[in-house]
Protein backbone atom coordinates (compact mmCIF):
# COMPACT_ATOMS: atom_id res chain seq x y z
CA MET A 1 -8.46 -22.86 -0.74
CA ALA A 2 -8.99 -24.28 2.71
CA ALA A 3 -12.16 -26.23 3.27
CA ALA A 4 -13.48 -23.69 5.77
CA GLY A 5 -13.21 -20.95 3.14
CA ARG A 6 -10.49 -19.08 4.98
CA PRO A 7 -8.01 -17.04 2.92
CA VAL A 8 -4.56 -18.52 2.45
CA VAL A 9 -2.79 -15.47 1.00
CA TRP A 10 -2.64 -11.96 2.43
CA LEU A 11 -1.58 -8.93 0.38
CA PHE A 12 -0.60 -6.00 2.60
CA ASP A 13 -0.16 -2.44 1.48
CA LEU A 14 2.82 -0.71 3.08
CA ASP A 15 2.34 3.03 3.64
CA ASN A 16 -0.34 3.90 6.21
CA THR A 17 -1.12 0.21 6.56
CA LEU A 18 2.01 -1.28 8.13
CA HIS A 19 3.40 2.03 9.37
CA ASP A 20 2.50 5.70 9.84
CA ALA A 21 3.71 7.00 6.49
CA SER A 22 1.96 10.33 7.01
CA HIS A 23 4.42 11.02 9.81
CA ALA A 24 7.50 9.27 8.48
CA ALA A 25 7.57 9.76 4.75
CA PHE A 26 4.78 11.50 2.88
CA GLY A 27 5.84 15.06 3.62
CA LEU A 28 9.46 14.29 2.72
CA LEU A 29 8.39 12.48 -0.44
CA ASP A 30 6.18 15.39 -1.52
CA GLU A 31 9.12 17.77 -1.15
CA ALA A 32 11.49 15.42 -2.98
CA MET A 33 9.03 14.93 -5.84
CA ASN A 34 8.40 18.66 -6.15
CA ASP A 35 12.15 19.31 -6.32
CA TYR A 36 12.61 16.58 -8.91
CA ILE A 37 9.73 17.84 -11.09
CA ALA A 38 10.92 21.44 -10.88
CA GLN A 39 14.41 20.49 -12.01
CA ALA A 40 13.48 17.86 -14.60
CA LEU A 41 10.70 19.90 -16.26
CA ARG A 42 12.19 23.33 -15.56
CA VAL A 43 9.07 24.69 -13.89
CA ASP A 44 8.64 26.77 -10.75
CA ALA A 45 7.74 25.37 -7.33
CA ALA A 46 4.02 26.09 -7.66
CA GLN A 47 3.73 24.33 -11.01
CA ALA A 48 5.76 21.37 -9.74
CA ASP A 49 3.41 20.98 -6.77
CA PHE A 50 0.38 21.24 -9.07
CA LEU A 51 1.70 18.55 -11.42
CA ARG A 52 2.56 16.20 -8.56
CA LEU A 53 -0.94 16.39 -7.15
CA ASP A 54 -2.70 16.41 -10.51
CA TYR A 55 -0.95 13.27 -11.75
CA TRP A 56 -1.47 11.51 -8.42
CA ARG A 57 -5.21 12.20 -8.52
CA ARG A 58 -5.59 11.33 -12.21
CA TYR A 59 -3.45 8.19 -12.33
CA GLY A 60 -3.05 6.99 -8.76
CA ALA A 61 0.70 7.72 -8.87
CA THR A 62 2.60 10.89 -9.79
CA LEU A 63 5.14 8.80 -11.67
CA LEU A 64 2.58 7.63 -14.24
CA GLY A 65 1.85 11.17 -15.32
CA LEU A 66 5.51 12.06 -15.52
CA GLU A 67 6.30 8.98 -17.56
CA ARG A 68 3.33 9.34 -19.91
CA HIS A 69 3.48 13.08 -20.52
CA HIS A 70 7.14 13.97 -20.05
CA GLY A 71 9.16 10.84 -20.74
CA ILE A 72 10.59 10.68 -17.23
CA ARG A 73 12.41 7.40 -16.56
CA ALA A 74 10.81 5.56 -13.65
CA ALA A 75 14.05 4.21 -12.16
CA HIS A 76 15.65 7.66 -12.16
CA PHE A 77 12.60 9.28 -10.54
CA LEU A 78 12.24 6.58 -7.86
CA GLU A 79 15.92 6.59 -6.94
CA HIS A 80 16.10 10.36 -6.54
CA THR A 81 12.81 10.85 -4.70
CA HIS A 82 13.07 7.96 -2.21
CA ARG A 83 16.53 8.54 -0.74
CA LEU A 84 15.05 9.94 2.50
CA PRO A 85 18.20 9.84 4.68
CA ASP A 86 16.29 10.21 7.97
CA LEU A 87 13.55 7.68 7.18
CA GLU A 88 14.49 5.03 9.74
CA GLN A 89 14.52 7.54 12.60
CA ARG A 90 11.06 8.80 11.68
CA LEU A 91 9.28 5.45 11.30
CA ARG A 92 6.37 4.66 13.60
CA GLY A 93 4.44 1.40 13.65
CA SER A 94 2.64 -0.74 16.20
CA PRO A 95 4.74 -2.97 18.49
CA ARG A 96 1.98 -5.60 18.26
CA ASP A 97 2.14 -5.92 14.47
CA ARG A 98 5.02 -8.39 14.33
CA ALA A 99 3.28 -10.82 16.67
CA ALA A 100 -0.02 -10.41 14.83
CA LEU A 101 1.55 -11.06 11.42
CA ARG A 102 3.51 -14.10 12.58
CA ALA A 103 0.42 -15.59 14.21
CA LEU A 104 -1.75 -15.06 11.12
CA PRO A 105 -1.98 -18.31 9.12
CA GLY A 106 -1.25 -18.22 5.40
CA ARG A 107 1.22 -16.73 2.95
CA LYS A 108 1.89 -12.99 3.18
CA PHE A 109 3.17 -10.50 0.63
CA VAL A 110 3.62 -6.73 0.60
CA LEU A 111 1.94 -5.07 -2.40
CA THR A 112 3.04 -1.46 -2.67
CA ASN A 113 3.25 1.35 -5.21
CA ALA A 114 6.56 2.31 -3.59
CA PRO A 115 9.95 1.14 -4.90
CA ALA A 116 11.46 -2.06 -3.54
CA SER A 117 14.43 -0.33 -1.88
CA TYR A 118 12.11 1.89 0.17
CA ALA A 119 9.84 -1.02 1.12
CA LYS A 120 12.80 -3.09 2.30
CA ARG A 121 14.12 -0.21 4.41
CA VAL A 122 10.75 0.26 6.12
CA LEU A 123 10.16 -3.43 6.80
CA THR A 124 13.71 -3.95 8.08
CA ALA A 125 13.56 -0.96 10.42
CA LEU A 126 10.19 -2.09 11.80
CA ASP A 127 11.48 -5.69 12.20
CA LEU A 128 8.75 -6.99 9.89
CA ALA A 129 10.82 -8.17 6.91
CA ASP A 130 10.77 -11.85 7.86
CA CYS A 131 6.98 -11.80 8.22
CA PHE A 132 6.55 -11.67 4.45
CA GLU A 133 7.32 -14.13 1.70
CA GLY A 134 7.99 -11.36 -0.78
CA ILE A 135 7.45 -7.79 -1.92
CA VAL A 136 5.59 -6.76 -5.06
CA SER A 137 6.74 -3.18 -5.63
CA ILE A 138 6.08 -0.66 -8.38
CA GLU A 139 9.02 -2.00 -10.40
CA GLY A 140 7.06 -5.24 -10.81
CA MET A 141 3.86 -3.52 -11.94
CA ARG A 142 4.77 -2.99 -15.57
CA LEU A 143 2.55 -4.57 -18.23
CA PHE A 144 3.44 -4.51 -21.93
CA GLY A 145 5.95 -1.76 -21.23
CA HIS A 146 3.58 0.45 -19.24
CA LEU A 147 3.40 0.98 -15.49
CA ARG A 148 0.13 -0.31 -14.02
CA PRO A 149 0.31 0.36 -10.26
CA LYS A 150 -2.65 0.22 -7.90
CA PRO A 151 -5.53 0.79 -8.48
CA ASP A 152 -5.18 -0.70 -11.99
CA ALA A 153 -7.19 -3.93 -12.07
CA ARG A 154 -4.91 -5.36 -14.75
CA MET A 155 -2.02 -5.23 -12.30
CA PHE A 156 -3.96 -7.28 -9.73
CA ARG A 157 -4.65 -9.95 -12.35
CA VAL A 158 -1.02 -10.06 -13.45
CA VAL A 159 0.28 -10.30 -9.89
CA LEU A 160 -2.12 -13.13 -9.10
CA ALA A 161 -1.06 -14.95 -12.26
CA ARG A 162 2.63 -14.59 -11.37
CA LEU A 163 2.02 -15.94 -7.88
CA LYS A 164 -0.28 -18.67 -9.27
CA LEU A 165 -3.18 -17.58 -7.08
CA ARG A 166 -6.93 -17.41 -7.51
CA PRO A 167 -8.59 -14.14 -6.45
CA ALA A 168 -10.85 -15.93 -3.97
CA GLN A 169 -7.75 -17.10 -2.09
CA CYS A 170 -6.57 -13.58 -1.36
CA VAL A 171 -7.30 -10.69 0.97
CA LEU A 172 -5.97 -7.19 0.32
CA VAL A 173 -5.31 -5.13 3.48
CA GLU A 174 -5.17 -1.46 2.46
CA ASP A 175 -5.79 2.10 3.64
CA THR A 176 -6.87 3.41 0.21
CA LEU A 177 -10.44 2.80 -0.92
CA ALA A 178 -9.76 3.20 -4.63
CA HIS A 179 -7.31 0.31 -4.47
CA GLN A 180 -9.82 -1.83 -2.60
CA ARG A 181 -12.55 -1.08 -5.10
CA ALA A 182 -10.36 -2.30 -7.97
CA ALA A 183 -9.24 -5.38 -6.04
CA ARG A 184 -12.81 -6.33 -5.17
CA ALA A 185 -13.82 -6.05 -8.83
CA VAL A 186 -11.15 -8.65 -9.62
CA GLY A 187 -12.50 -10.96 -6.91
CA LEU A 188 -10.25 -10.35 -3.90
CA ARG A 189 -11.66 -9.75 -0.46
CA THR A 190 -10.68 -6.38 0.97
CA VAL A 191 -9.89 -5.02 4.43
CA TRP A 192 -9.79 -1.30 5.15
CA MET A 193 -6.98 -0.45 7.57
CA GLN A 194 -7.99 2.77 9.32
CA ARG A 195 -5.36 3.04 12.07
CA TYR A 196 -3.38 5.80 10.41
CA VAL A 197 -5.82 7.42 7.99
CA TRP A 198 -7.87 8.89 10.83
CA ARG A 199 -5.18 11.54 11.20
CA ASN A 200 -3.88 11.49 7.62
CA ALA A 201 -4.27 14.79 5.82
CA HIS A 202 -2.40 13.42 2.81
CA GLY A 203 -4.91 10.90 1.47
CA PRO A 204 -8.56 11.04 0.47
CA GLU A 205 -9.99 8.79 3.22
CA VAL A 206 -10.69 11.47 5.83
CA GLY A 207 -13.55 12.76 7.94
CA ALA A 208 -17.01 11.27 7.76
CA ARG A 209 -16.12 8.79 5.03
CA LEU A 210 -14.17 6.77 7.60
CA ARG A 211 -17.40 6.02 9.44
CA ARG A 212 -18.99 4.28 6.45
CA LYS A 213 -17.97 0.90 5.09
CA PRO A 214 -18.50 0.72 1.32
CA ALA A 215 -20.12 -2.42 -0.06
CA TYR A 216 -16.86 -3.52 -1.68
CA VAL A 217 -15.04 -3.55 1.68
CA TYR A 218 -15.34 -6.82 3.58
CA ALA A 219 -14.12 -5.49 6.93
CA ARG A 220 -12.68 -2.42 8.65
CA ILE A 221 -9.85 -2.72 11.15
CA ARG A 222 -7.62 -0.45 13.22
CA SER A 223 -5.25 -3.19 14.34
CA LEU A 224 -3.67 -6.10 12.48
CA SER A 225 -4.36 -8.29 15.51
CA THR A 226 -8.08 -8.21 14.66
CA LEU A 227 -7.69 -9.66 11.15
CA ALA A 228 -8.12 -13.17 12.51
CA THR A 229 -11.49 -12.30 14.05
CA HIS A 230 -12.92 -11.59 10.59
CA PHE A 231 -11.52 -14.56 8.68
CA LEU A 232 -10.66 -17.43 11.00
CA PRO A 233 -12.82 -19.70 13.17
CA ALA A 234 -13.11 -18.53 16.77
CA ARG A 235 -11.05 -21.45 18.06
CA ALA A 236 -8.14 -20.49 15.78
CA HIS A 237 -7.36 -17.23 17.51
CA VAL A 238 -7.60 -15.19 20.68
CA ARG A 239 -9.34 -11.89 20.08
CA HIS A 240 -7.52 -8.70 20.93
CA ALA A 241 -9.21 -5.37 21.40
CA ASP A 242 -8.30 -2.61 18.97
CA PRO A 243 -5.88 -0.11 20.46
């Protein structure tokens, strides 16, 4: 780690952190997952919607419940639910993000519960792909044969071991508090990206909770350009106001 204590590795979530997934993808993904569940499990639309939400709330990812309780193959589920033919046309991000990411010192990875093909499409369309050294997607979050996506603390430890990193070197930039809580327990510093969750009816971080910073969150931001103000010496950056 640098002598000044600054982080050298940044782990960025994808959806609702690097782009407005509530607008671009979540509604389409919910529909695709419901259709998949209804066909694969031979249940009606209401039961499919219930199972999707129930497994997401219980396990942090609908796929875990389907794999554990119904033997659904992860690769088959991910391929069929993430086709999203109109995704690129629906994507919305911040035009300042590319400059902010390229100016931010240190290694950068995307850490997402989404499949790699989807993550690559999003990053390419937003012109952010070359800002990152790599992508850790849900396909790489399997431990002893079992999927362990965020917020599973074991996954964070495994990812750090693969990348040969110490937790104190890393900062996780995320929109989801449950993921930050698990990461902080492992020893990472955490940043709560709130740009998109203010208007996100899909996730749990809504309303008054956005006005409080939990103890396990190091900083709250609404723009990637302000990351440097929290972690780097004043002379190392020029502060930008949040949009």
